[in-house]
Amino acid sequence: MEHKLLVLCDPEEDYAQHMADFLRRKKDMDWEVRIFTVQEELQKFCAEEAIEILLVAESAYGDYVKALPAKLPIILNESGILREKNLANIDKYQPAEAVWQELLALYMEKSGERYPKVGTWKKGKLIGLYSPVRRCLQSTFGLTMGQLLAERYATLYVSFEFFAALEEWQDRERQDLSVLLYYQQNRPDSFGVQLQTLVKKVGKLDYVSPMLNGENLLYITPEQWKSLIQALLNAGNYEYIVLDLSESIQGLFEILNLCHKVYTIAREDSKALQKMNRYEQLLSLMEYEDVKVKTTKCHLPLFRKLPSEVESFSKGELAEYVGELLEKEGVF
């Protein structure tokens, strides 16, 4: 594939170098990143090369930039004031990942091209996590599985919890699962772009922030959930999509039936056994025997210590248990 040029111009050398290094680490990006801190050098370079994206600091923006033949000029806004309303502005002083997400969305919107990862189709498999037993480490189990899978495969984790327990995963700007659902329902042509811009990372694992308002989960129909899940598969970005499911959603059994594999955490106390029996009876009554066939029941041992940070879930006793389980079932 022919490389396209992304030129970053910023007199602040440390920022320019760090941002360029960050962009160069983005896998599958077909842009060659060049940085300039001196305007004259940028002018000379642009006179000889075709520029796809020009990312220029507000303090370096002037009449000479307007004349440069860049297909997509973008201002790195430093003052918080929108100077050039006809040009795209990105807040310079935010995390590099946030700058990247905004840049990517602008590029795909303006050019109509798809980010390379979107175009690299993968045949994805759904893994469903659900247990009728509460406080059984389901989400910790799921995140551990997601982290381990992500070390070998492109993996996405999606939580359907009413109250997601991981505070740091919540997006304060409400760029969460509800936004992705909106685009799938109302602007399907933009779904791939939004998926790329909403996805965040913890370690190598991709995730979409769970709904900040869990009550919204209750009103989404089974058909809407199935359409969203199918759109995630059709995007072709992921080899595994881990669905951390709960009773908060309509169509739970239908979604479990879509999954390639289901993992259910079981316990041996009397109340847990009663709940599991009722759950399995209901599956049979509703004619979802296939869900029972594809389900692996996990009787977790007593772990002496579990990691406190999500980034560390791929290590420790639970990780060993999950890794052995995946290896036994032929995933590894």
Protein backbone atom coordinates (compact mmCIF):
# COMPACT_ATOMS: atom_id res chain seq x y z
CA MET A 1 0.00 0.00 0.00
CA GLU A 2 1.33 3.47 -0.89
CA HIS A 3 2.15 5.50 2.19
CA LYS A 4 0.39 8.82 2.72
CA LEU A 5 1.97 11.71 4.55
CA LEU A 6 0.79 12.99 7.91
CA VAL A 7 2.74 16.12 8.71
CA LEU A 8 2.85 17.53 12.24
CA CYS A 9 4.05 21.11 12.69
CA ASP A 10 4.56 22.39 16.23
CA PRO A 11 7.28 24.69 17.63
CA GLU A 12 6.99 22.78 20.93
CA GLU A 13 9.58 20.11 20.14
CA ASP A 14 8.83 17.75 23.03
CA TYR A 15 5.12 17.66 22.20
CA ALA A 16 5.77 17.16 18.49
CA GLN A 17 8.19 14.31 19.09
CA HIS A 18 6.00 12.52 21.62
CA MET A 19 2.89 12.83 19.45
CA ALA A 20 4.77 11.63 16.37
CA ASP A 21 6.12 8.63 18.29
CA PHE A 22 2.61 7.81 19.49
CA LEU A 23 1.16 7.97 15.97
CA ARG A 24 3.96 5.82 14.58
CA ARG A 25 3.10 3.10 17.07
CA LYS A 26 -0.40 2.77 15.62
CA LYS A 27 -0.43 -0.57 13.84
CA ASP A 28 -1.79 -0.85 10.30
CA MET A 29 -1.75 2.92 9.83
CA ASP A 30 -0.77 3.64 6.25
CA TRP A 31 0.47 7.18 6.97
CA GLU A 32 4.11 8.19 7.08
CA VAL A 33 4.52 10.67 9.97
CA ARG A 34 6.86 13.65 9.56
CA ILE A 35 7.39 16.43 12.09
CA PHE A 36 8.55 20.03 11.69
CA THR A 37 9.26 22.70 14.27
CA VAL A 38 10.50 25.34 11.83
CA GLN A 39 8.01 26.87 9.41
CA GLU A 40 10.50 27.43 6.62
CA GLU A 41 11.43 23.76 6.53
CA LEU A 42 7.75 22.82 6.39
CA GLN A 43 7.14 25.18 3.46
CA LYS A 44 10.05 23.71 1.52
CA PHE A 45 8.89 20.15 2.23
CA CYS A 46 5.29 20.84 1.21
CA ALA A 47 6.44 22.34 -2.07
CA GLU A 48 7.87 18.94 -3.02
CA GLU A 49 5.50 16.43 -1.39
CA ALA A 50 1.76 15.77 -1.42
CA ILE A 51 0.37 16.08 2.10
CA GLU A 52 -2.63 14.00 3.14
CA ILE A 53 -3.04 15.41 6.67
CA LEU A 54 -1.45 18.55 8.07
CA LEU A 55 -1.69 18.76 11.86
CA VAL A 56 -0.48 22.21 12.87
CA ALA A 57 -0.31 23.87 16.29
CA GLU A 58 -2.44 26.97 16.70
CA SER A 59 0.66 29.01 17.58
CA ALA A 60 2.26 27.99 14.29
CA TYR A 61 -0.78 28.63 12.12
CA GLY A 62 -0.62 31.59 9.77
CA ASP A 63 -1.20 32.70 6.20
CA TYR A 64 1.58 30.48 4.93
CA VAL A 65 -0.26 27.41 6.20
CA LYS A 66 -3.43 28.38 4.36
CA ALA A 67 -1.49 28.20 1.11
CA LEU A 68 -0.10 24.73 1.74
CA PRO A 69 -1.65 22.02 -0.47
CA ALA A 70 -2.78 19.68 2.32
CA LYS A 71 -5.89 17.62 1.68
CA LEU A 72 -6.95 17.82 5.32
CA PRO A 73 -5.50 20.66 7.43
CA ILE A 74 -6.25 20.40 11.16
CA ILE A 75 -5.43 22.92 13.88
CA LEU A 76 -4.15 21.70 17.24
CA ASN A 77 -6.07 24.17 19.38
CA GLU A 78 -4.07 25.62 22.27
CA SER A 79 -6.25 28.54 23.42
CA GLY A 80 -9.66 26.92 23.61
CA ILE A 81 -10.97 29.54 21.17
CA LEU A 82 -12.13 28.42 17.74
CA ARG A 83 -10.11 30.61 15.39
CA GLU A 84 -10.62 29.16 11.93
CA LYS A 85 -14.23 27.96 11.84
CA ASN A 86 -13.81 26.54 8.35
CA LEU A 87 -11.00 24.26 9.55
CA ALA A 88 -11.15 21.28 11.87
CA ASN A 89 -9.87 21.94 15.39
CA ILE A 90 -8.60 19.33 17.86
CA ASP A 91 -7.78 20.17 21.48
CA LYS A 92 -4.01 19.85 21.75
CA TYR A 93 -3.86 19.41 25.52
CA GLN A 94 -5.64 16.10 25.95
CA PRO A 95 -4.42 12.49 26.00
CA ALA A 96 -2.69 11.40 22.79
CA GLU A 97 -5.27 8.64 22.34
CA ALA A 98 -8.06 11.24 22.37
CA VAL A 99 -6.21 13.33 19.76
CA TRP A 100 -5.81 10.20 17.64
CA GLN A 101 -9.50 9.30 17.88
CA GLU A 102 -10.62 12.77 16.81
CA LEU A 103 -8.06 12.87 13.99
CA LEU A 104 -9.18 9.47 12.74
CA ALA A 105 -12.85 10.43 12.78
CA LEU A 106 -12.15 13.65 10.87
CA TYR A 107 -10.05 11.87 8.28
CA MET A 108 -12.60 9.16 7.61
CA GLU A 109 -15.45 11.66 7.48
CA LYS A 110 -13.67 14.00 5.08
CA SER A 111 -12.02 11.43 2.82
CA GLY A 112 -14.64 8.71 2.84
CA GLU A 113 -11.84 6.19 3.26
CA ARG A 114 -11.83 3.51 5.90
CA TYR A 115 -9.15 3.12 8.50
CA PRO A 116 -7.02 0.12 7.51
CA LYS A 117 -8.08 -1.99 10.49
CA VAL A 118 -11.72 -1.60 9.48
CA GLY A 119 -10.89 -2.96 6.06
CA THR A 120 -9.01 -5.98 7.40
CA TRP A 121 -11.86 -8.43 7.77
CA LYS A 122 -11.69 -11.05 10.49
CA LYS A 123 -14.18 -13.82 11.09
CA GLY A 124 -15.19 -13.10 14.64
CA LYS A 125 -16.49 -15.45 17.31
CA LEU A 126 -18.80 -14.42 20.12
CA ILE A 127 -18.09 -15.51 23.66
CA GLY A 128 -20.98 -15.02 26.06
CA LEU A 129 -20.56 -14.74 29.82
CA TYR A 130 -23.64 -15.19 31.96
CA SER A 131 -24.50 -16.69 35.32
CA PRO A 132 -27.76 -16.45 37.28
CA VAL A 133 -25.59 -16.49 40.41
CA ARG A 134 -24.69 -13.05 41.68
CA ARG A 135 -21.28 -11.96 43.01
CA CYS A 136 -19.57 -14.84 41.30
CA LEU A 137 -16.63 -12.93 39.75
CA GLN A 138 -18.24 -12.97 36.30
CA SER A 139 -16.87 -9.60 35.17
CA THR A 140 -13.44 -10.28 36.65
CA PHE A 141 -13.48 -13.66 34.90
CA GLY A 142 -14.55 -12.01 31.63
CA LEU A 143 -11.92 -9.28 31.78
CA THR A 144 -9.27 -11.86 32.54
CA MET A 145 -10.39 -13.95 29.57
CA GLY A 146 -10.45 -10.84 27.38
CA GLN A 147 -6.93 -9.85 28.41
CA LEU A 148 -5.57 -13.34 27.72
CA LEU A 149 -7.32 -13.58 24.34
CA ALA A 150 -6.06 -10.11 23.39
CA GLU A 151 -2.47 -11.27 23.80
CA ARG A 152 -2.98 -13.53 20.76
CA TYR A 153 -6.09 -12.30 18.95
CA ALA A 154 -7.85 -9.02 18.21
CA THR A 155 -10.42 -8.98 21.01
CA LEU A 156 -13.26 -6.65 22.06
CA TYR A 157 -14.92 -6.66 25.49
CA VAL A 158 -18.49 -5.33 25.86
CA SER A 159 -20.22 -5.03 29.24
CA PHE A 160 -24.00 -5.18 29.58
CA GLU A 161 -24.01 -4.61 33.32
CA PHE A 162 -26.62 -2.27 34.80
CA PHE A 163 -24.02 -0.75 37.13
CA ALA A 164 -20.56 -1.29 35.68
CA ALA A 165 -18.25 -1.65 38.67
CA LEU A 166 -15.13 -0.26 36.99
CA GLU A 167 -15.31 3.47 37.52
CA GLU A 168 -12.26 4.21 35.36
CA TRP A 169 -13.97 2.62 32.35
CA GLN A 170 -16.80 5.13 32.33
CA ASP A 171 -16.57 7.84 29.70
CA ARG A 172 -17.37 11.21 31.26
CA GLU A 173 -18.45 12.59 27.90
CA ARG A 174 -20.95 9.70 27.54
CA GLN A 175 -19.17 8.29 24.51
CA ASP A 176 -20.29 4.83 25.50
CA LEU A 177 -22.22 1.82 24.23
CA SER A 178 -25.36 3.93 23.76
CA VAL A 179 -23.59 6.07 21.14
CA LEU A 180 -22.53 3.00 19.20
CA LEU A 181 -26.09 1.68 19.34
CA TYR A 182 -27.40 5.00 18.06
CA TYR A 183 -25.11 4.96 15.04
CA GLN A 184 -25.95 1.36 14.25
CA GLN A 185 -29.67 2.16 14.28
CA ASN A 186 -29.66 5.61 12.67
CA ARG A 187 -26.42 6.05 10.73
CA PRO A 188 -25.21 2.56 9.82
CA ASP A 189 -22.87 3.92 7.13
CA SER A 190 -20.89 5.64 9.89
CA PHE A 191 -20.84 2.67 12.24
CA GLY A 192 -17.32 1.55 11.32
CA VAL A 193 -15.95 5.04 11.92
CA GLN A 194 -17.68 5.36 15.28
CA LEU A 195 -16.52 1.93 16.36
CA GLN A 196 -12.93 2.95 15.73
CA THR A 197 -13.28 6.26 17.56
CA LEU A 198 -15.22 4.92 20.57
CA VAL A 199 -13.02 1.91 21.24
CA LYS A 200 -10.56 2.32 24.10
CA LYS A 201 -7.80 0.04 25.34
CA VAL A 202 -6.70 -1.53 28.57
CA GLY A 203 -3.47 -3.33 27.82
CA LYS A 204 -4.06 -5.01 24.45
CA LEU A 205 -7.78 -5.49 25.06
CA ASP A 206 -10.23 -3.21 23.26
CA TYR A 207 -13.42 -2.19 24.99
CA VAL A 208 -16.39 0.13 24.59
CA SER A 209 -17.33 2.07 27.72
CA PRO A 210 -20.45 0.56 29.32
CA MET A 211 -23.61 2.66 29.49
CA LEU A 212 -23.31 5.32 32.13
CA ASN A 213 -27.07 5.16 32.67
CA GLY A 214 -27.74 1.45 33.10
CA GLU A 215 -31.49 2.05 33.02
CA ASN A 216 -31.21 2.56 29.24
CA LEU A 217 -30.35 -1.13 28.90
CA LEU A 218 -33.91 -2.05 29.89
CA TYR A 219 -35.55 -0.35 26.91
CA ILE A 220 -33.48 -1.74 24.05
CA THR A 221 -35.23 -4.51 22.15
CA PRO A 222 -33.72 -7.92 21.40
CA GLU A 223 -33.73 -7.03 17.70
CA GLN A 224 -31.69 -3.88 18.38
CA TRP A 225 -29.15 -5.81 20.44
CA LYS A 226 -28.83 -8.51 17.80
CA SER A 227 -28.38 -5.89 15.07
CA LEU A 228 -25.64 -4.20 17.08
CA ILE A 229 -23.83 -7.48 17.74
CA GLN A 230 -24.08 -8.44 14.08
CA ALA A 231 -22.69 -5.04 13.10
CA LEU A 232 -19.72 -5.61 15.43
CA LEU A 233 -19.08 -8.95 13.74
CA ASN A 234 -19.55 -7.51 10.25
CA ALA A 235 -17.02 -4.75 10.95
CA GLY A 236 -14.41 -7.50 10.76
CA ASN A 237 -12.05 -5.95 13.32
CA TYR A 238 -12.13 -8.69 15.92
CA GLU A 239 -11.46 -12.39 16.13
CA TYR A 240 -13.19 -12.60 19.51
CA ILE A 241 -15.93 -10.45 21.01
CA VAL A 242 -16.54 -11.09 24.70
CA LEU A 243 -20.08 -10.20 25.84
CA ASP A 244 -20.41 -9.73 29.60
CA LEU A 245 -24.20 -10.25 29.86
CA SER A 246 -26.80 -9.67 32.55
CA GLU A 247 -30.55 -9.84 33.14
CA SER A 248 -30.65 -6.09 32.49
CA ILE A 249 -31.12 -6.68 28.79
CA GLN A 250 -34.07 -7.94 26.81
CA GLY A 251 -33.46 -11.03 24.71
CA LEU A 252 -30.77 -12.52 26.93
CA PHE A 253 -31.40 -16.07 25.76
CA GLU A 254 -31.46 -15.00 22.12
CA ILE A 255 -28.06 -13.35 22.51
CA LEU A 256 -26.63 -16.37 24.30
CA ASN A 257 -27.87 -18.47 21.41
CA LEU A 258 -25.83 -16.33 19.00
CA CYS A 259 -22.63 -17.06 20.88
CA HIS A 260 -20.04 -19.53 19.71
CA LYS A 261 -19.30 -20.39 23.33
CA VAL A 262 -20.92 -19.57 26.68
CA TYR A 263 -19.20 -19.59 30.07
CA THR A 264 -21.31 -19.79 33.21
CA ILE A 265 -19.84 -19.51 36.69
CA ALA A 266 -21.45 -21.92 39.14
CA ARG A 267 -21.27 -22.29 42.90
CA GLU A 268 -22.11 -25.15 45.24
CA ASP A 269 -24.18 -23.44 47.94
CA SER A 270 -27.88 -24.26 48.03
CA LYS A 271 -29.17 -20.90 46.78
CA ALA A 272 -26.72 -20.88 43.89
CA LEU A 273 -27.72 -24.43 42.93
CA GLN A 274 -31.39 -23.48 43.01
CA LYS A 275 -30.79 -20.48 40.75
CA MET A 276 -28.77 -22.56 38.32
CA ASN A 277 -31.46 -25.26 38.18
CA ARG A 278 -34.17 -22.69 37.49
CA TYR A 279 -32.04 -21.06 34.80
CA GLU A 280 -31.43 -24.37 33.02
CA GLN A 281 -35.09 -25.36 33.34
CA LEU A 282 -36.10 -22.07 31.75
CA LEU A 283 -33.64 -22.61 28.90
CA SER A 284 -35.31 -25.97 28.20
CA LEU A 285 -38.81 -24.52 28.55
CA MET A 286 -37.96 -21.72 26.09
CA GLU A 287 -36.37 -24.24 23.71
CA TYR A 288 -32.84 -22.96 24.04
CA GLU A 289 -31.20 -26.34 24.51
CA ASP A 290 -28.40 -25.23 22.18
CA VAL A 291 -27.31 -22.72 24.82
CA LYS A 292 -26.92 -25.52 27.34
CA VAL A 293 -24.90 -27.56 24.85
CA LYS A 294 -22.42 -24.76 24.15
CA THR A 295 -22.09 -23.79 27.83
CA THR A 296 -19.08 -24.59 29.98
CA LYS A 297 -19.81 -24.43 33.71
CA CYS A 298 -16.91 -23.02 35.68
CA HIS A 299 -16.57 -23.96 39.35
CA LEU A 300 -13.97 -21.45 40.43
CA PRO A 301 -11.58 -22.46 43.22
CA LEU A 302 -10.93 -20.16 46.14
CA PHE A 303 -8.30 -17.67 45.01
CA ARG A 304 -5.93 -16.35 47.64
CA LYS A 305 -5.46 -13.02 45.88
CA LEU A 306 -6.94 -11.30 42.83
CA PRO A 307 -5.32 -8.36 40.99
CA SER A 308 -6.72 -4.96 41.93
CA GLU A 309 -5.87 -3.29 38.62
CA VAL A 310 -7.52 -4.31 35.34
CA GLU A 311 -4.16 -4.12 33.56
CA SER A 312 -2.93 -6.96 35.80
CA PHE A 313 -5.83 -9.35 35.21
CA SER A 314 -3.72 -11.39 32.77
CA LYS A 315 -1.52 -12.52 35.67
CA GLY A 316 -2.17 -14.47 38.85
CA GLU A 317 -4.23 -17.47 39.93
CA LEU A 318 -7.42 -16.60 38.06
CA ALA A 319 -5.43 -15.96 34.86
CA GLU A 320 -3.81 -19.38 35.20
CA TYR A 321 -7.23 -20.97 35.64
CA VAL A 322 -8.71 -19.17 32.62
CA GLY A 323 -5.63 -19.84 30.50
CA GLU A 324 -5.80 -23.57 31.22
CA LEU A 325 -9.51 -23.52 30.42
CA LEU A 326 -8.95 -21.84 27.05
CA GLU A 327 -6.14 -24.24 26.23
CA LYS A 328 -8.29 -27.24 27.19
CA GLU A 329 -11.07 -26.03 24.91
CA GLY A 330 -8.71 -25.50 21.97
CA VAL A 331 -8.76 -21.73 21.90
CA PHE A 332 -5.01 -21.51 22.64
